[in-house]
C-alpha atoms as a PDB file:
ATOM      1  CA  UNK A   1       0.000   0.000   0.000  1.00  0.00           C
ATOM      2  CA  UNK A   2       1.382   3.393  -0.882  1.00  0.00           C
ATOM      3  CA  UNK A   3       2.165   5.719   1.953  1.00  0.00           C
ATOM      4  CA  UNK A   4      -0.249   8.463   0.976  1.00  0.00           C
ATOM      5  CA  UNK A   5      -3.174   6.044   1.035  1.00  0.00           C
ATOM      6  CA  UNK A   6      -1.998   4.675   4.379  1.00  0.00           C
ATOM      7  CA  UNK A   7      -2.103   8.223   5.757  1.00  0.00           C
ATOM      8  CA  UNK A   8      -5.754   8.433   4.725  1.00  0.00           C
ATOM      9  CA  UNK A   9      -6.652   5.604   7.099  1.00  0.00           C
ATOM     10  CA  UNK A  10      -8.340   6.415  10.404  1.00  0.00           C
ATOM     11  CA  UNK A  11      -5.578   5.187  12.779  1.00  0.00           C
ATOM     12  CA  UNK A  12      -3.117   7.614  11.179  1.00  0.00           C
ATOM     13  CA  UNK A  13      -5.591  10.491  11.514  1.00  0.00           C
ATOM     14  CA  UNK A  14      -6.361  10.126  15.223  1.00  0.00           C
ATOM     15  CA  UNK A  15      -3.527  12.540  16.181  1.00  0.00           C
ATOM     16  CA  UNK A  16      -5.373  15.203  14.168  1.00  0.00           C
ATOM     17  CA  UNK A  17      -8.482  14.927  16.329  1.00  0.00           C
ATOM     18  CA  UNK A  18      -8.883  17.864  18.724  1.00  0.00           C
ATOM     19  CA  UNK A  19      -9.554  17.229  22.397  1.00  0.00           C
ATOM     20  CA  UNK A  20     -12.959  15.556  22.781  1.00  0.00           C
ATOM     21  CA  UNK A  21     -15.965  17.619  23.746  1.00  0.00           C
ATOM     22  CA  UNK A  22     -19.636  16.655  24.137  1.00  0.00           C
ATOM     23  CA  UNK A  23     -20.339  18.387  20.813  1.00  0.00           C
ATOM     24  CA  UNK A  24     -17.739  16.381  18.874  1.00  0.00           C
ATOM     25  CA  UNK A  25     -18.090  13.002  20.573  1.00  0.00           C
ATOM     26  CA  UNK A  26     -20.537  11.717  17.941  1.00  0.00           C
ATOM     27  CA  UNK A  27     -18.287  12.544  14.991  1.00  0.00           C
ATOM     28  CA  UNK A  28     -15.273  11.008  16.716  1.00  0.00           C
ATOM     29  CA  UNK A  29     -17.217   7.787  17.257  1.00  0.00           C
ATOM     30  CA  UNK A  30     -18.463   7.762  13.657  1.00  0.00           C
ATOM     31  CA  UNK A  31     -14.935   8.216  12.278  1.00  0.00           C
ATOM     32  CA  UNK A  32     -13.439   5.570  14.534  1.00  0.00           C
ATOM     33  CA  UNK A  33     -16.114   3.087  13.476  1.00  0.00           C
ATOM     34  CA  UNK A  34     -15.593   3.874   9.778  1.00  0.00           C
ATOM     35  CA  UNK A  35     -19.062   5.369   9.277  1.00  0.00           C
ATOM     36  CA  UNK A  36     -18.019   8.224   7.017  1.00  0.00           C
ATOM     37  CA  UNK A  37     -21.554   9.122   5.867  1.00  0.00           C
ATOM     38  CA  UNK A  38     -22.731   9.506   9.461  1.00  0.00           C
ATOM     39  CA  UNK A  39     -19.562  11.458  10.250  1.00  0.00           C
ATOM     40  CA  UNK A  40     -20.276  13.857   7.367  1.00  0.00           C
ATOM     41  CA  UNK A  41     -23.830  14.465   8.517  1.00  0.00           C
ATOM     42  CA  UNK A  42     -22.594  15.039  12.052  1.00  0.00           C
ATOM     43  CA  UNK A  43     -19.855  17.412  10.882  1.00  0.00           C
ATOM     44  CA  UNK A  44     -22.374  19.548   9.006  1.00  0.00           C
ATOM     45  CA  UNK A  45     -24.284  20.055  12.251  1.00  0.00           C
ATOM     46  CA  UNK A  46     -21.257  21.293  14.201  1.00  0.00           C
ATOM     47  CA  UNK A  47     -20.644  24.871  15.185  1.00  0.00           C
ATOM     48  CA  UNK A  48     -19.128  26.773  12.224  1.00  0.00           C
ATOM     49  CA  UNK A  49     -15.898  27.320  14.167  1.00  0.00           C
ATOM     50  CA  UNK A  50     -15.336  23.548  14.563  1.00  0.00           C
ATOM     51  CA  UNK A  51     -16.807  22.346  11.272  1.00  0.00           C
ATOM     52  CA  UNK A  52     -13.915  22.980   8.806  1.00  0.00           C
ATOM     53  CA  UNK A  53     -11.347  20.896  10.693  1.00  0.00           C
ATOM     54  CA  UNK A  54     -13.625  17.856  10.823  1.00  0.00           C
ATOM     55  CA  UNK A  55     -14.661  18.242   7.169  1.00  0.00           C
ATOM     56  CA  UNK A  56     -10.979  18.459   6.275  1.00  0.00           C
ATOM     57  CA  UNK A  57     -10.204  15.301   8.224  1.00  0.00           C
ATOM     58  CA  UNK A  58     -13.081  13.543   6.468  1.00  0.00           C
ATOM     59  CA  UNK A  59     -11.724  14.598   3.068  1.00  0.00           C
ATOM     60  CA  UNK A  60      -8.286  13.229   3.998  1.00  0.00           C
ATOM     61  CA  UNK A  61      -9.863   9.980   5.158  1.00  0.00           C
ATOM     62  CA  UNK A  62     -11.597   9.686   1.772  1.00  0.00           C
ATOM     63  CA  UNK A  63      -8.235  10.236   0.056  1.00  0.00           C
ATOM     64  CA  UNK A  64      -9.399  13.545  -1.413  1.00  0.00           C
ATOM     65  CA  UNK A  65      -6.491  15.782  -0.434  1.00  0.00           C
ATOM     66  CA  UNK A  66      -7.365  18.594  -2.843  1.00  0.00           C
ATOM     67  CA  UNK A  67     -10.727  19.051  -1.167  1.00  0.00           C
ATOM     68  CA  UNK A  68      -9.059  18.855   2.250  1.00  0.00           C
ATOM     69  CA  UNK A  69      -6.543  21.542   1.258  1.00  0.00           C
ATOM     70  CA  UNK A  70      -9.328  23.855   0.051  1.00  0.00           C
ATOM     71  CA  UNK A  71     -11.180  23.404   3.335  1.00  0.00           C
ATOM     72  CA  UNK A  72      -8.178  23.686   5.643  1.00  0.00           C
ATOM     73  CA  UNK A  73      -6.062  26.334   3.897  1.00  0.00           C
ATOM     74  CA  UNK A  74      -7.600  29.278   5.783  1.00  0.00           C
ATOM     75  CA  UNK A  75      -8.385  27.590   9.100  1.00  0.00           C
ATOM     76  CA  UNK A  76      -5.021  27.986  10.833  1.00  0.00           C
ATOM     77  CA  UNK A  77      -4.927  24.203  11.386  1.00  0.00           C
ATOM     78  CA  UNK A  78      -1.296  23.723  10.316  1.00  0.00           C
ATOM     79  CA  UNK A  79      -1.063  20.086  11.338  1.00  0.00           C
ATOM     80  CA  UNK A  80      -4.176  18.946   9.470  1.00  0.00           C
ATOM     81  CA  UNK A  81      -3.281  21.038   6.430  1.00  0.00           C
ATOM     82  CA  UNK A  82       0.176  19.475   6.482  1.00  0.00           C
ATOM     83  CA  UNK A  83      -1.272  15.962   6.406  1.00  0.00           C
ATOM     84  CA  UNK A  84      -3.515  16.988   3.500  1.00  0.00           C
ATOM     85  CA  UNK A  85      -0.406  18.162   1.627  1.00  0.00           C
ATOM     86  CA  UNK A  86       1.250  14.862   2.526  1.00  0.00           C
ATOM     87  CA  UNK A  87      -1.576  12.829   1.041  1.00  0.00           C
ATOM     88  CA  UNK A  88      -1.377  15.040  -2.067  1.00  0.00           C
ATOM     89  CA  UNK A  89       2.340  14.244  -2.372  1.00  0.00           C
ATOM     90  CA  UNK A  90       3.348  17.885  -1.795  1.00  0.00           C
ATOM     91  CA  UNK A  91       6.085  17.068   0.660  1.00  0.00           C
ATOM     92  CA  UNK A  92       7.818  20.449   0.821  1.00  0.00           C
ATOM     93  CA  UNK A  93       4.541  22.093   1.818  1.00  0.00           C
ATOM     94  CA  UNK A  94       3.915  19.234   4.255  1.00  0.00           C
ATOM     95  CA  UNK A  95       7.243  19.844   5.997  1.00  0.00           C
ATOM     96  CA  UNK A  96       6.545  23.560   6.150  1.00  0.00           C
ATOM     97  CA  UNK A  97       3.205  23.023   7.855  1.00  0.00           C
ATOM     98  CA  UNK A  98       4.693  20.543  10.336  1.00  0.00           C
ATOM     99  CA  UNK A  99       7.378  23.105  11.210  1.00  0.00           C
ATOM    100  CA  UNK A 100       4.644  25.682  11.762  1.00  0.00           C
ATOM    101  CA  UNK A 101       2.660  23.245  13.937  1.00  0.00           C
ATOM    102  CA  UNK A 102       5.766  22.602  16.053  1.00  0.00           C
ATOM    103  CA  UNK A 103       6.404  26.351  16.369  1.00  0.00           C
ATOM    104  CA  UNK A 104       2.860  26.869  17.623  1.00  0.00           C
ATOM    105  CA  UNK A 105       2.834  23.917  20.012  1.00  0.00           C
ATOM    106  CA  UNK A 106       6.218  22.231  20.551  1.00  0.00           C
ATOM    107  CA  UNK A 107       4.681  19.863  23.108  1.00  0.00           C
ATOM    108  CA  UNK A 108       2.299  18.237  20.607  1.00  0.00           C
ATOM    109  CA  UNK A 109       3.773  14.850  19.672  1.00  0.00           C
ATOM    110  CA  UNK A 110       1.978  14.372  16.376  1.00  0.00           C
ATOM    111  CA  UNK A 111       3.949  16.685  14.007  1.00  0.00           C
ATOM    112  CA  UNK A 112       7.124  14.871  15.074  1.00  0.00           C
ATOM    113  CA  UNK A 113       5.409  11.537  14.423  1.00  0.00           C
ATOM    114  CA  UNK A 114       4.230  12.562  10.957  1.00  0.00           C
ATOM    115  CA  UNK A 115       7.718  13.814  10.092  1.00  0.00           C
ATOM    116  CA  UNK A 116       9.095  10.464  11.222  1.00  0.00           C
ATOM    117  CA  UNK A 117       6.747   8.681   8.860  1.00  0.00           C
ATOM    118  CA  UNK A 118       7.844  10.945   6.026  1.00  0.00           C
ATOM    119  CA  UNK A 119      11.573  10.443   6.565  1.00  0.00           C
ATOM    120  CA  UNK A 120      11.027   6.708   7.019  1.00  0.00           C
ATOM    121  CA  UNK A 121       9.067   6.093   3.836  1.00  0.00           C
ATOM    122  CA  UNK A 122       9.440   8.816   1.224  1.00  0.00           C
ATOM    123  CA  UNK A 123      13.037   9.747   2.018  1.00  0.00           C
ATOM    124  CA  UNK A 124      14.196   6.261   3.079  1.00  0.00           C
ATOM    125  CA  UNK A 125      16.233   7.743   5.935  1.00  0.00           C
ATOM    126  CA  UNK A 126      15.726   5.497   8.975  1.00  0.00           C
ATOM    127  CA  UNK A 127      18.281   7.412  11.057  1.00  0.00           C
ATOM    128  CA  UNK A 128      16.487  10.720  10.646  1.00  0.00           C
ATOM    129  CA  UNK A 129      13.082   9.048  10.967  1.00  0.00           C
ATOM    130  CA  UNK A 130      14.142   7.441  14.247  1.00  0.00           C
ATOM    131  CA  UNK A 131      15.165  10.864  15.546  1.00  0.00           C
ATOM    132  CA  UNK A 132      11.688  12.243  14.851  1.00  0.00           C
ATOM    133  CA  UNK A 133       9.947   9.187  16.317  1.00  0.00           C
ATOM    134  CA  UNK A 134      12.006   9.587  19.500  1.00  0.00           C
ATOM    135  CA  UNK A 135      10.944  13.235  19.712  1.00  0.00           C
ATOM    136  CA  UNK A 136       7.324  12.131  19.376  1.00  0.00           C
ATOM    137  CA  UNK A 137       7.773   9.542  22.117  1.00  0.00           C
ATOM    138  CA  UNK A 138       9.408  12.070  24.429  1.00  0.00           C
ATOM    139  CA  UNK A 139       6.115  13.946  24.289  1.00  0.00           C
ATOM    140  CA  UNK A 140       3.805  10.923  24.267  1.00  0.00           C
ATOM    141  CA  UNK A 141       5.622   7.811  25.556  1.00  0.00           C
ATOM    142  CA  UNK A 142       2.505   5.661  25.254  1.00  0.00           C
ATOM    143  CA  UNK A 143       1.912   6.182  21.553  1.00  0.00           C
ATOM    144  CA  UNK A 144       2.483   2.639  20.305  1.00  0.00           C
ATOM    145  CA  UNK A 145       2.354   3.552  16.604  1.00  0.00           C
ATOM    146  CA  UNK A 146       5.520   5.627  17.033  1.00  0.00           C
ATOM    147  CA  UNK A 147       7.169   2.825  19.022  1.00  0.00           C
ATOM    148  CA  UNK A 148       6.394   0.341  16.258  1.00  0.00           C
ATOM    149  CA  UNK A 149       7.782   2.485  13.458  1.00  0.00           C
ATOM    150  CA  UNK A 150      10.818   3.325  15.592  1.00  0.00           C
ATOM    151  CA  UNK A 151      11.412  -0.412  15.925  1.00  0.00           C
ATOM    152  CA  UNK A 152      11.295  -0.806  12.145  1.00  0.00           C
ATOM    153  CA  UNK A 153      13.836   1.991  11.664  1.00  0.00           C
ATOM    154  CA  UNK A 154      16.173   0.527  14.267  1.00  0.00           C
ATOM    155  CA  UNK A 155      15.851  -2.915  12.670  1.00  0.00           C
ATOM    156  CA  UNK A 156      16.865  -1.491   9.313  1.00  0.00           C
ATOM    157  CA  UNK A 157      19.828   0.218  10.976  1.00  0.00           C
ATOM    158  CA  UNK A 158      20.982  -3.114  12.402  1.00  0.00           C
ATOM    159  CA  UNK A 159      20.337  -2.052  16.005  1.00  0.00           C
ATOM    160  CA  UNK A 160      18.603  -5.307  16.824  1.00  0.00           C
ATOM    161  CA  UNK A 161      18.364  -5.071  20.608  1.00  0.00           C
ATOM    162  CA  UNK A 162      16.887  -1.560  20.496  1.00  0.00           C
ATOM    163  CA  UNK A 163      14.494  -2.633  17.744  1.00  0.00           C
ATOM    164  CA  UNK A 164      13.315  -5.580  19.826  1.00  0.00           C
ATOM    165  CA  UNK A 165      12.705  -3.300  22.804  1.00  0.00           C
ATOM    166  CA  UNK A 166      10.628  -0.932  20.648  1.00  0.00           C
ATOM    167  CA  UNK A 167       8.635  -3.820  19.191  1.00  0.00           C
ATOM    168  CA  UNK A 168       7.991  -5.238  22.660  1.00  0.00           C
ATOM    169  CA  UNK A 169       6.772  -1.816  23.780  1.00  0.00           C
ATOM    170  CA  UNK A 170       4.198  -1.885  20.983  1.00  0.00           C
ATOM    171  CA  UNK A 171       3.520  -5.622  20.862  1.00  0.00           C
ATOM    172  CA  UNK A 172      -0.255  -5.077  20.753  1.00  0.00           C
ATOM    173  CA  UNK A 173       0.165  -4.017  17.107  1.00  0.00           C
ATOM    174  CA  UNK A 174       0.365  -6.719  14.411  1.00  0.00           C
ATOM    175  CA  UNK A 175       3.076  -4.633  12.708  1.00  0.00           C
ATOM    176  CA  UNK A 176       5.307  -4.966  15.769  1.00  0.00           C
ATOM    177  CA  UNK A 177       4.546  -8.662  16.058  1.00  0.00           C
ATOM    178  CA  UNK A 178       5.728  -9.094  12.462  1.00  0.00           C
ATOM    179  CA  UNK A 179       8.856  -7.133  13.339  1.00  0.00           C
ATOM    180  CA  UNK A 180       9.559  -9.412  16.271  1.00  0.00           C
ATOM    181  CA  UNK A 181       9.013 -12.415  14.003  1.00  0.00           C
ATOM    182  CA  UNK A 182      11.593 -11.083  11.537  1.00  0.00           C
ATOM    183  CA  UNK A 183      14.106 -10.722  14.369  1.00  0.00           C
ATOM    184  CA  UNK A 184      13.386 -14.275  15.574  1.00  0.00           C
ATOM    185  CA  UNK A 185      13.849 -15.629  12.054  1.00  0.00           C
ATOM    186  CA  UNK A 186      17.118 -13.730  11.616  1.00  0.00           C
ATOM    187  CA  UNK A 187      18.319 -15.291  14.859  1.00  0.00           C
ATOM    188  CA  UNK A 188      17.546 -18.773  13.504  1.00  0.00           C
ATOM    189  CA  UNK A 189      14.348 -19.394  15.466  1.00  0.00           C
ATOM    190  CA  UNK A 190      11.915 -20.164  12.661  1.00  0.00           C
ATOM    191  CA  UNK A 191       9.388 -22.006  14.838  1.00  0.00           C
ATOM    192  CA  UNK A 192       8.836 -19.077  17.184  1.00  0.00           C
ATOM    193  CA  UNK A 193       8.950 -16.676  14.224  1.00  0.00           C
ATOM    194  CA  UNK A 194       6.148 -18.617  12.560  1.00  0.00           C
ATOM    195  CA  UNK A 195       4.034 -18.692  15.721  1.00  0.00           C
ATOM    196  CA  UNK A 196       4.335 -14.919  16.103  1.00  0.00           C
ATOM    197  CA  UNK A 197       3.596 -14.331  12.407  1.00  0.00           C
ATOM    198  CA  UNK A 198       0.494 -16.525  12.426  1.00  0.00           C
ATOM    199  CA  UNK A 199      -0.792 -14.726  15.524  1.00  0.00           C
ATOM    200  CA  UNK A 200      -0.297 -11.339  13.866  1.00  0.00           C
ATOM    201  CA  UNK A 201      -2.013 -12.472  10.663  1.00  0.00           C
ATOM    202  CA  UNK A 202      -4.962 -13.844  12.599  1.00  0.00           C
ATOM    203  CA  UNK A 203      -5.561 -10.254  13.727  1.00  0.00           C
ATOM    204  CA  UNK A 204      -4.713  -8.561  10.445  1.00  0.00           C
ATOM    205  CA  UNK A 205      -4.542 -10.947   7.464  1.00  0.00           C
ATOM    206  CA  UNK A 206      -4.207  -7.978   5.088  1.00  0.00           C
ATOM    207  CA  UNK A 207      -0.689  -7.229   6.332  1.00  0.00           C
ATOM    208  CA  UNK A 208       1.385  -7.583   3.169  1.00  0.00           C
ATOM    209  CA  UNK A 209       4.738  -7.854   4.949  1.00  0.00           C
ATOM    210  CA  UNK A 210       3.254 -10.479   7.247  1.00  0.00           C
ATOM    211  CA  UNK A 211       1.989 -12.630   4.384  1.00  0.00           C
ATOM    212  CA  UNK A 212       5.340 -12.438   2.614  1.00  0.00           C
ATOM    213  CA  UNK A 213       7.174 -13.292   5.823  1.00  0.00           C
ATOM    214  CA  UNK A 214       4.830 -16.232   6.431  1.00  0.00           C
ATOM    215  CA  UNK A 215       5.530 -17.502   2.906  1.00  0.00           C
ATOM    216  CA  UNK A 216       9.257 -17.315   3.547  1.00  0.00           C
ATOM    217  CA  UNK A 217       9.041 -19.158   6.867  1.00  0.00           C
ATOM    218  CA  UNK A 218       6.759 -21.858   5.477  1.00  0.00           C
ATOM    219  CA  UNK A 219       9.235 -22.404   2.644  1.00  0.00           C
ATOM    220  CA  UNK A 220      12.121 -22.702   5.094  1.00  0.00           C
ATOM    221  CA  UNK A 221      10.126 -25.226   7.122  1.00  0.00           C
ATOM    222  CA  UNK A 222       9.344 -27.306   4.007  1.00  0.00           C
ATOM    223  CA  UNK A 223       5.666 -26.408   3.866  1.00  0.00           C
ATOM    224  CA  UNK A 224       5.393 -25.307   0.224  1.00  0.00           C
ATOM    225  CA  UNK A 225       1.605 -25.437  -0.016  1.00  0.00           C
ATOM    226  CA  UNK A 226       1.250 -23.128   2.980  1.00  0.00           C
ATOM    227  CA  UNK A 227       3.917 -20.915   1.429  1.00  0.00           C
ATOM    228  CA  UNK A 228       1.939 -20.796  -1.816  1.00  0.00           C
ATOM    229  CA  UNK A 229      -1.258 -19.912   0.034  1.00  0.00           C
ATOM    230  CA  UNK A 230       0.469 -16.969   1.722  1.00  0.00           C
ATOM    231  CA  UNK A 231       2.004 -15.820  -1.558  1.00  0.00           C
ATOM    232  CA  UNK A 232      -1.344 -15.918  -3.340  1.00  0.00           C
ATOM    233  CA  UNK A 233      -2.860 -13.818  -0.561  1.00  0.00           C
ATOM    234  CA  UNK A 234       0.065 -11.385  -0.852  1.00  0.00           C
ATOM    235  CA  UNK A 235      -0.498 -11.168  -4.618  1.00  0.00           C
ATOM    236  CA  UNK A 236      -4.082 -10.055  -3.997  1.00  0.00           C
ATOM    237  CA  UNK A 237      -2.837  -7.364  -1.610  1.00  0.00           C
ATOM    238  CA  UNK A 238      -0.111  -6.171  -4.000  1.00  0.00           C
ATOM    239  CA  UNK A 239      -1.283  -7.001  -7.535  1.00  0.00           C
ATOM    240  CA  UNK A 240       1.470  -4.875  -9.124  1.00  0.00           C
ATOM    241  CA  UNK A 241       4.378  -6.481  -7.294  1.00  0.00           C
ATOM    242  CA  UNK A 242       6.241  -8.655  -9.787  1.00  0.00           C
ATOM    243  CA  UNK A 243       8.498 -10.364  -7.251  1.00  0.00           C
ATOM    244  CA  UNK A 244       5.547 -12.093  -5.597  1.00  0.00           C
ATOM    245  CA  UNK A 245       4.567 -13.670  -8.905  1.00  0.00           C
ATOM    246  CA  UNK A 246       8.116 -14.935  -9.358  1.00  0.00           C
ATOM    247  CA  UNK A 247       7.990 -16.579  -5.924  1.00  0.00           C
ATOM    248  CA  UNK A 248       4.635 -18.145  -6.864  1.00  0.00           C
ATOM    249  CA  UNK A 249       6.241 -19.430 -10.066  1.00  0.00           C
ATOM    250  CA  UNK A 250       9.116 -21.074  -8.204  1.00  0.00           C
ATOM    251  CA  UNK A 251       6.842 -22.547  -5.529  1.00  0.00           C
ATOM    252  CA  UNK A 252       4.444 -24.004  -8.109  1.00  0.00           C
ATOM    253  CA  UNK A 253       7.344 -25.582  -9.979  1.00  0.00           C
ATOM    254  CA  UNK A 254       8.545 -27.199  -6.756  1.00  0.00           C
ATOM    255  CA  UNK A 255       5.056 -28.638  -6.308  1.00  0.00           C
ATOM    256  CA  UNK A 256       4.881 -29.921  -9.885  1.00  0.00           C
ATOM    257  CA  UNK A 257       2.066 -27.527 -10.780  1.00  0.00           C
ATOM    258  CA  UNK A 258       3.586 -26.512 -14.108  1.00  0.00           C
ATOM    259  CA  UNK A 259       0.555 -24.886 -15.713  1.00  0.00           C
ATOM    260  CA  UNK A 260       0.066 -22.645 -12.715  1.00  0.00           C
ATOM    261  CA  UNK A 261       3.794 -21.954 -12.667  1.00  0.00           C
ATOM    262  CA  UNK A 262       3.724 -20.867 -16.313  1.00  0.00           C
ATOM    263  CA  UNK A 263       0.809 -18.519 -15.620  1.00  0.00           C
ATOM    264  CA  UNK A 264       2.722 -16.961 -12.715  1.00  0.00           C
ATOM    265  CA  UNK A 265       5.844 -16.542 -14.834  1.00  0.00           C
ATOM    266  CA  UNK A 266       3.878 -14.763 -17.571  1.00  0.00           C
ATOM    267  CA  UNK A 267       2.333 -12.460 -14.970  1.00  0.00           C
ATOM    268  CA  UNK A 268       5.773 -11.808 -13.479  1.00  0.00           C
ATOM    269  CA  UNK A 269       7.176 -10.801 -16.875  1.00  0.00           C
ATOM    270  CA  UNK A 270       4.124  -8.622 -17.572  1.00  0.00           C
ATOM    271  CA  UNK A 271       4.377  -6.784 -14.243  1.00  0.00           C
ATOM    272  CA  UNK A 272       8.148  -6.417 -14.442  1.00  0.00           C
ATOM    273  CA  UNK A 273       7.842  -4.783 -17.856  1.00  0.00           C
ATOM    274  CA  UNK A 274       5.341  -2.240 -16.538  1.00  0.00           C
ATOM    275  CA  UNK A 275       6.347  -1.625 -12.914  1.00  0.00           C
ATOM    276  CA  UNK A 276       9.860  -3.024 -12.554  1.00  0.00           C
ATOM    277  CA  UNK A 277      10.877  -5.081  -9.528  1.00  0.00           C
ATOM    278  CA  UNK A 278      10.247  -2.585  -6.758  1.00  0.00           C
ATOM    279  CA  UNK A 279       8.136  -3.822  -3.865  1.00  0.00           C
ATOM    280  CA  UNK A 280       4.972  -1.997  -2.915  1.00  0.00           C
END
């Protein structure tokens, strides 16, 4: 899943929510439950001073950043406007708005968190991303999303013990469970890695990295049919990712399913020609 779409999902937008009040409790509940139509109707009934922020958040959630920018541009809500720019792929403007949000309220953890996400994904700079995630956690130590992404950055930097500590601190999240499983596998403990991965996928089967990790572990444990099942699920989640089709091809060949293998190879070559070999 691309980062901008991920930022349009409700869990990533919770830091944008203002402090709850009796007047906004209904829209918060509607957003958290995914009832966007009810949230829209509720937003329209809010006081005019509160309405634009919530309508902007709704537009971001619907992956309509241009509408969000139009709504939020004159509200003074730098943080929300910054996220709208992020979803629109206007990263320079995003960074400018996050800097403004920090200037206005340096104790708010969320601009630091959003900057961490940006440096982690778009700029592929885990060192700088980790610095921003740590700043976020200094201001909100209990924010498990930041702990989880910090763990991922530290893992990529080869700081395994620190990564494991961050993952343990956010172990309620399937993403962190998958991170712990990767560390277990790297340490040669495939059985425990598989148990952790299966637990995470039972909570969130649409985790692409989890399905690919499961396929790898099943293959290492000589369970090719389970590996194929995980790869086919991953292919549904990332239909443009050529490398998954190549793994399906190799797994089908090992199982003697040559027709299916040939189909996967053709799809691999088709996707590689269009999208290259980059993972989603």
